[in-house]
Structures are given as structure tokens and as C-alpha cells.
Amino acid sequence: MEESQDLKGRTERTRGLFSGRTATLLALAALAISVGHVAYAIWRDHINDGAGLLG
């Protein structure tokens, strides 16, 4: 009986700042932004005839 109460108290204490769905959406948005930055840097390098990031 005490063990089940301990698990319930533990789950209540480990709640994060955001809900699971919000945290997932924030993680996906951060990933999309970082991939976008890399794609833009490569595209900008291509426009500058390879004198930038990949040169």
C-alpha cells in the first residue's frame, strides 16, 4: 500500500514546466529552425560560388 502511494507522490513531483505535447512541439520547432539555418547557410554558400561555408 505504501509503495503505490510513493509512486503517486513521485509522479506529482516530477512534472515538468510544459505538458508532454507542448514539449514535443517545442522540440520539433527547435529542430526545424536548426535544419532551416543549415539549409540557408548551404544555399547562401551556393549563391556566393562556394566562397562561404563549404569553400
Protein backbone atom coordinates (compact mmCIF):
# COMPACT_ATOMS: atom_id res chain seq x y z
CA MET A 1 0.00 0.00 0.00
CA GLU A 2 2.79 2.42 0.86
CA GLU A 3 4.59 1.64 -2.38
CA SER A 4 1.64 2.75 -4.54
CA GLN A 5 1.35 5.99 -2.59
CA ASP A 6 5.07 6.63 -3.02
CA LEU A 7 4.80 6.21 -6.79
CA LYS A 8 1.86 8.61 -6.93
CA GLY A 9 3.77 11.23 -4.97
CA ARG A 10 6.84 10.75 -7.14
CA THR A 11 4.92 11.38 -10.40
CA GLU A 12 3.44 14.55 -8.99
CA ARG A 13 6.89 15.90 -8.07
CA THR A 14 8.50 15.15 -11.44
CA ARG A 15 6.04 17.15 -13.53
CA GLY A 16 7.89 19.42 -15.94
CA LEU A 17 7.41 23.01 -16.95
CA PHE A 18 5.41 22.03 -20.05
CA SER A 19 3.00 19.24 -20.82
CA GLY A 20 4.21 16.35 -22.97
CA ARG A 21 2.52 17.65 -26.12
CA THR A 22 3.87 21.19 -25.69
CA ALA A 23 7.39 19.91 -25.06
CA THR A 24 7.19 17.76 -28.20
CA LEU A 25 6.02 20.70 -30.30
CA LEU A 26 8.78 22.92 -28.92
CA ALA A 27 11.39 20.27 -29.68
CA LEU A 28 10.11 19.87 -33.24
CA ALA A 29 10.09 23.64 -33.75
CA ALA A 30 13.68 23.91 -32.49
CA LEU A 31 14.74 21.09 -34.83
CA ALA A 32 13.02 22.74 -37.80
CA ILE A 33 14.74 26.05 -37.05
CA SER A 34 18.17 24.45 -36.78
CA VAL A 35 17.71 22.47 -40.01
CA GLY A 36 16.50 25.66 -41.68
CA HIS A 37 19.63 27.51 -40.58
CA VAL A 38 21.87 24.83 -42.07
CA ALA A 39 19.87 24.75 -45.32
CA TYR A 40 20.04 28.55 -45.58
CA ALA A 41 23.81 28.54 -44.97
CA ILE A 42 24.34 25.97 -47.71
CA TRP A 43 22.05 27.87 -50.10
CA ARG A 44 23.85 31.15 -49.33
CA ASP A 45 27.17 29.43 -49.97
CA HIS A 46 25.88 28.19 -53.32
CA ILE A 47 24.82 31.73 -54.31
CA ASN A 48 28.33 33.03 -53.43
CA ASP A 49 30.02 30.45 -55.71
CA GLY A 50 31.34 28.36 -52.85
CA ALA A 51 33.22 31.17 -51.11
CA GLY A 52 31.47 30.69 -47.78
CA LEU A 53 30.65 27.77 -45.53
CA LEU A 54 31.68 24.95 -47.85
CA GLY A 55 34.61 26.72 -49.51
